[in-house]
Amino acid sequence: MRTDDIRILERRLKELTTDIHEIEHDMERADPKLRETYGERLKAIQSRRRSVQERLAELRLQKALAWERTDFATGLERVLDRLGRGLDRMTSRRQH
């Protein structure tokens, strides 16, 4: 689920960045009154982009932490399994 959310946000971030570049380009050729309108739109889109960037960073961190927990749990399981097999071998040697 998080991977899909990350992809969606990455796509949205690219779209917002493209929108920002287009508005900046349009502002260069616009008259002063229109520049003001573009400026307001630009600020709103930049704010949305920052929100998306923050959410994306949160999801990436959560995903990384989930991998760490999974890796730790898997490693611990292997260690305990090896320990159990070692104890089994020791007890079986004593019985012979």
N, C-alpha and C. Protein backbone atom coordinates (compact mmCIF):
# COMPACT_ATOMS: atom_id res chain seq x y z
N MET A 1 0.82 -1.20 0.00
CA MET A 1 0.00 0.00 0.00
C MET A 1 0.87 1.26 0.00
N ARG A 2 1.87 1.32 0.86
CA ARG A 2 2.72 2.50 0.93
C ARG A 2 3.44 2.75 -0.39
N THR A 3 3.86 1.68 -1.06
CA THR A 3 4.56 1.84 -2.34
C THR A 3 3.65 2.51 -3.36
N ASP A 4 2.39 2.12 -3.40
CA ASP A 4 1.44 2.76 -4.31
C ASP A 4 1.24 4.22 -3.94
N ASP A 5 1.13 4.50 -2.66
CA ASP A 5 0.97 5.88 -2.20
C ASP A 5 2.18 6.71 -2.59
N ILE A 6 3.36 6.13 -2.44
CA ILE A 6 4.59 6.84 -2.80
C ILE A 6 4.61 7.15 -4.29
N ARG A 7 4.26 6.17 -5.10
CA ARG A 7 4.22 6.40 -6.56
C ARG A 7 3.24 7.51 -6.93
N ILE A 8 2.08 7.49 -6.31
CA ILE A 8 1.06 8.51 -6.58
C ILE A 8 1.59 9.90 -6.21
N LEU A 9 2.20 10.00 -5.04
CA LEU A 9 2.73 11.29 -4.60
C LEU A 9 3.89 11.75 -5.47
N GLU A 10 4.74 10.82 -5.90
CA GLU A 10 5.85 11.18 -6.78
C GLU A 10 5.32 11.73 -8.11
N ARG A 11 4.30 11.09 -8.63
CA ARG A 11 3.67 11.55 -9.87
C ARG A 11 3.06 12.94 -9.66
N ARG A 12 2.37 13.12 -8.53
CA ARG A 12 1.75 14.41 -8.23
C ARG A 12 2.81 15.50 -8.07
N LEU A 13 3.92 15.15 -7.45
CA LEU A 13 5.02 16.09 -7.27
C LEU A 13 5.58 16.54 -8.63
N LYS A 14 5.74 15.61 -9.55
CA LYS A 14 6.21 15.96 -10.89
C LYS A 14 5.22 16.88 -11.60
N GLU A 15 3.93 16.58 -11.45
CA GLU A 15 2.90 17.42 -12.08
C GLU A 15 2.94 18.84 -11.52
N LEU A 16 3.05 18.95 -10.21
CA LEU A 16 3.09 20.27 -9.58
C LEU A 16 4.35 21.05 -9.99
N THR A 17 5.46 20.35 -10.09
CA THR A 17 6.71 21.00 -10.52
C THR A 17 6.58 21.50 -11.95
N THR A 18 5.97 20.69 -12.81
CA THR A 18 5.72 21.11 -14.19
C THR A 18 4.82 22.34 -14.22
N ASP A 19 3.76 22.31 -13.42
CA ASP A 19 2.85 23.47 -13.34
C ASP A 19 3.60 24.73 -12.91
N ILE A 20 4.46 24.58 -11.94
CA ILE A 20 5.23 25.72 -11.44
C ILE A 20 6.11 26.29 -12.56
N HIS A 21 6.80 25.42 -13.28
CA HIS A 21 7.66 25.88 -14.37
C HIS A 21 6.86 26.58 -15.46
N GLU A 22 5.70 26.05 -15.76
CA GLU A 22 4.85 26.66 -16.79
C GLU A 22 4.38 28.06 -16.35
N ILE A 23 3.97 28.17 -15.10
CA ILE A 23 3.51 29.48 -14.60
C ILE A 23 4.67 30.48 -14.59
N GLU A 24 5.84 30.02 -14.14
CA GLU A 24 7.00 30.91 -14.13
C GLU A 24 7.33 31.39 -15.54
N HIS A 25 7.24 30.49 -16.50
CA HIS A 25 7.49 30.85 -17.90
C HIS A 25 6.45 31.85 -18.39
N ASP A 26 5.18 31.61 -18.07
CA ASP A 26 4.11 32.52 -18.47
C ASP A 26 4.26 33.89 -17.81
N MET A 27 4.74 33.90 -16.58
CA MET A 27 4.92 35.17 -15.87
C MET A 27 5.93 36.08 -16.56
N GLU A 28 6.94 35.47 -17.16
CA GLU A 28 7.98 36.26 -17.83
C GLU A 28 7.40 37.10 -18.97
N ARG A 29 6.35 36.60 -19.62
CA ARG A 29 5.78 37.30 -20.77
C ARG A 29 4.50 38.07 -20.45
N ALA A 30 4.07 38.01 -19.22
CA ALA A 30 2.78 38.61 -18.85
C ALA A 30 2.95 40.08 -18.45
N ASP A 31 1.85 40.81 -18.59
CA ASP A 31 1.85 42.20 -18.12
C ASP A 31 1.78 42.21 -16.59
N PRO A 32 2.07 43.36 -15.98
CA PRO A 32 2.14 43.42 -14.50
C PRO A 32 0.87 42.94 -13.79
N LYS A 33 -0.28 43.26 -14.31
CA LYS A 33 -1.54 42.85 -13.66
C LYS A 33 -1.67 41.32 -13.69
N LEU A 34 -1.36 40.74 -14.83
CA LEU A 34 -1.46 39.29 -14.98
C LEU A 34 -0.39 38.58 -14.15
N ARG A 35 0.77 39.22 -14.02
CA ARG A 35 1.84 38.64 -13.19
C ARG A 35 1.38 38.47 -11.75
N GLU A 36 0.60 39.42 -11.29
CA GLU A 36 0.08 39.34 -9.93
C GLU A 36 -0.82 38.12 -9.76
N THR A 37 -1.67 37.89 -10.75
CA THR A 37 -2.55 36.71 -10.72
C THR A 37 -1.73 35.43 -10.77
N TYR A 38 -0.75 35.41 -11.70
CA TYR A 38 0.13 34.24 -11.79
C TYR A 38 0.89 34.03 -10.48
N GLY A 39 1.31 35.12 -9.85
CA GLY A 39 2.05 35.03 -8.59
C GLY A 39 1.23 34.36 -7.50
N GLU A 40 -0.04 34.70 -7.44
CA GLU A 40 -0.92 34.08 -6.45
C GLU A 40 -1.09 32.60 -6.72
N ARG A 41 -1.30 32.27 -7.99
CA ARG A 41 -1.42 30.83 -8.36
C ARG A 41 -0.14 30.09 -8.04
N LEU A 42 0.98 30.74 -8.34
CA LEU A 42 2.29 30.13 -8.11
C LEU A 42 2.49 29.83 -6.62
N LYS A 43 2.16 30.77 -5.76
CA LYS A 43 2.29 30.54 -4.32
C LYS A 43 1.42 29.38 -3.85
N ALA A 44 0.22 29.30 -4.36
CA ALA A 44 -0.69 28.21 -3.97
C ALA A 44 -0.14 26.86 -4.40
N ILE A 45 0.36 26.80 -5.63
CA ILE A 45 0.90 25.52 -6.13
C ILE A 45 2.18 25.16 -5.40
N GLN A 46 3.02 26.14 -5.11
CA GLN A 46 4.24 25.87 -4.35
C GLN A 46 3.92 25.33 -2.95
N SER A 47 2.88 25.87 -2.36
CA SER A 47 2.44 25.40 -1.05
C SER A 47 1.97 23.94 -1.13
N ARG A 48 1.20 23.63 -2.17
CA ARG A 48 0.75 22.24 -2.34
C ARG A 48 1.93 21.32 -2.57
N ARG A 49 2.90 21.80 -3.37
CA ARG A 49 4.08 20.97 -3.64
C ARG A 49 4.84 20.69 -2.34
N ARG A 50 4.99 21.70 -1.50
CA ARG A 50 5.67 21.48 -0.21
C ARG A 50 4.94 20.44 0.63
N SER A 51 3.62 20.51 0.64
CA SER A 51 2.82 19.53 1.39
C SER A 51 3.03 18.12 0.86
N VAL A 52 3.05 18.00 -0.46
CA VAL A 52 3.27 16.69 -1.08
C VAL A 52 4.68 16.20 -0.76
N GLN A 53 5.67 17.09 -0.82
CA GLN A 53 7.05 16.70 -0.49
C GLN A 53 7.15 16.21 0.95
N GLU A 54 6.49 16.89 1.86
CA GLU A 54 6.52 16.49 3.27
C GLU A 54 5.87 15.12 3.46
N ARG A 55 4.72 14.93 2.84
CA ARG A 55 4.01 13.64 2.97
C ARG A 55 4.83 12.52 2.35
N LEU A 56 5.45 12.81 1.22
CA LEU A 56 6.29 11.82 0.55
C LEU A 56 7.47 11.44 1.43
N ALA A 57 8.09 12.41 2.06
CA ALA A 57 9.20 12.14 2.96
C ALA A 57 8.75 11.27 4.14
N GLU A 58 7.56 11.56 4.68
CA GLU A 58 7.02 10.76 5.78
C GLU A 58 6.81 9.31 5.35
N LEU A 59 6.21 9.13 4.18
CA LEU A 59 5.94 7.76 3.71
C LEU A 59 7.23 7.00 3.43
N ARG A 60 8.20 7.68 2.86
CA ARG A 60 9.49 7.03 2.59
C ARG A 60 10.16 6.62 3.90
N LEU A 61 10.08 7.47 4.90
CA LEU A 61 10.66 7.13 6.20
C LEU A 61 9.93 5.95 6.82
N GLN A 62 8.61 5.96 6.77
CA GLN A 62 7.83 4.84 7.31
C GLN A 62 8.17 3.54 6.60
N LYS A 63 8.34 3.63 5.30
CA LYS A 63 8.69 2.43 4.52
C LYS A 63 10.07 1.92 4.93
N ALA A 64 11.03 2.83 5.08
CA ALA A 64 12.38 2.44 5.49
C ALA A 64 12.37 1.81 6.88
N LEU A 65 11.62 2.40 7.79
CA LEU A 65 11.54 1.84 9.14
C LEU A 65 10.88 0.47 9.14
N ALA A 66 9.88 0.30 8.29
CA ALA A 66 9.22 -1.01 8.20
C ALA A 66 10.20 -2.06 7.70
N TRP A 67 11.04 -1.69 6.73
CA TRP A 67 12.04 -2.63 6.24
C TRP A 67 13.02 -2.98 7.34
N GLU A 68 13.45 -1.99 8.11
CA GLU A 68 14.38 -2.27 9.20
C GLU A 68 13.77 -3.23 10.20
N ARG A 69 12.51 -3.01 10.56
CA ARG A 69 11.85 -3.92 11.51
C ARG A 69 11.76 -5.32 10.92
N THR A 70 11.42 -5.41 9.65
CA THR A 70 11.31 -6.72 9.00
C THR A 70 12.66 -7.40 8.95
N ASP A 71 13.70 -6.65 8.57
CA ASP A 71 15.04 -7.22 8.52
C ASP A 71 15.49 -7.68 9.91
N PHE A 72 15.22 -6.90 10.93
CA PHE A 72 15.59 -7.27 12.29
C PHE A 72 14.86 -8.54 12.71
N ALA A 73 13.56 -8.59 12.45
CA ALA A 73 12.77 -9.75 12.83
C ALA A 73 13.25 -11.00 12.10
N THR A 74 13.54 -10.86 10.82
CA THR A 74 14.04 -12.00 10.04
C THR A 74 15.39 -12.45 10.58
N GLY A 75 16.27 -11.51 10.86
CA GLY A 75 17.59 -11.85 11.40
C GLY A 75 17.49 -12.52 12.75
N LEU A 76 16.63 -11.99 13.60
CA LEU A 76 16.43 -12.58 14.92
C LEU A 76 15.88 -14.00 14.79
N GLU A 77 14.96 -14.19 13.89
CA GLU A 77 14.39 -15.53 13.68
C GLU A 77 15.47 -16.51 13.24
N ARG A 78 16.36 -16.09 12.36
CA ARG A 78 17.46 -16.96 11.91
C ARG A 78 18.39 -17.31 13.06
N VAL A 79 18.73 -16.31 13.87
CA VAL A 79 19.62 -16.55 15.00
C VAL A 79 18.98 -17.54 15.97
N LEU A 80 17.71 -17.33 16.29
CA LEU A 80 17.03 -18.24 17.22
C LEU A 80 16.91 -19.64 16.64
N ASP A 81 16.69 -19.73 15.34
CA ASP A 81 16.61 -21.04 14.69
C ASP A 81 17.95 -21.76 14.77
N ARG A 82 19.03 -21.06 14.49
CA ARG A 82 20.37 -21.66 14.59
C ARG A 82 20.68 -22.08 16.02
N LEU A 83 20.31 -21.23 16.95
CA LEU A 83 20.52 -21.54 18.36
C LEU A 83 19.74 -22.79 18.74
N GLY A 84 18.50 -22.88 18.31
CA GLY A 84 17.67 -24.05 18.60
C GLY A 84 18.27 -25.32 18.01
N ARG A 85 18.74 -25.24 16.76
CA ARG A 85 19.35 -26.42 16.13
C ARG A 85 20.62 -26.82 16.86
N GLY A 86 21.40 -25.81 17.28
CA GLY A 86 22.62 -26.10 18.04
C GLY A 86 22.31 -26.79 19.35
N LEU A 87 21.29 -26.33 20.05
CA LEU A 87 20.88 -26.96 21.31
C LEU A 87 20.37 -28.38 21.06
N ASP A 88 19.62 -28.56 19.97
CA ASP A 88 19.14 -29.91 19.63
C ASP A 88 20.31 -30.86 19.41
N ARG A 89 21.34 -30.40 18.69
CA ARG A 89 22.51 -31.26 18.42
C ARG A 89 23.23 -31.57 19.73
N MET A 90 23.34 -30.58 20.62
CA MET A 90 24.03 -30.82 21.88
C MET A 90 23.28 -31.84 22.73
N THR A 91 21.96 -31.72 22.78
CA THR A 91 21.19 -32.66 23.62
C THR A 91 21.17 -34.04 22.99
N SER A 92 21.19 -34.12 21.66
CA SER A 92 21.19 -35.45 21.04
C SER A 92 22.53 -36.13 21.22
N ARG A 93 23.62 -35.41 21.30
CA ARG A 93 24.95 -35.99 21.53
C ARG A 93 25.05 -36.55 22.95
N ARG A 94 24.44 -35.86 23.89
CA ARG A 94 24.47 -36.29 25.28
C ARG A 94 23.68 -37.57 25.48
N GLN A 95 22.66 -37.74 24.68
CA GLN A 95 21.81 -38.93 24.83
C GLN A 95 22.48 -40.15 24.25
N HIS A 96 23.45 -40.00 23.39
CA HIS A 96 24.11 -41.17 22.77
C HIS A 96 25.26 -41.63 23.56
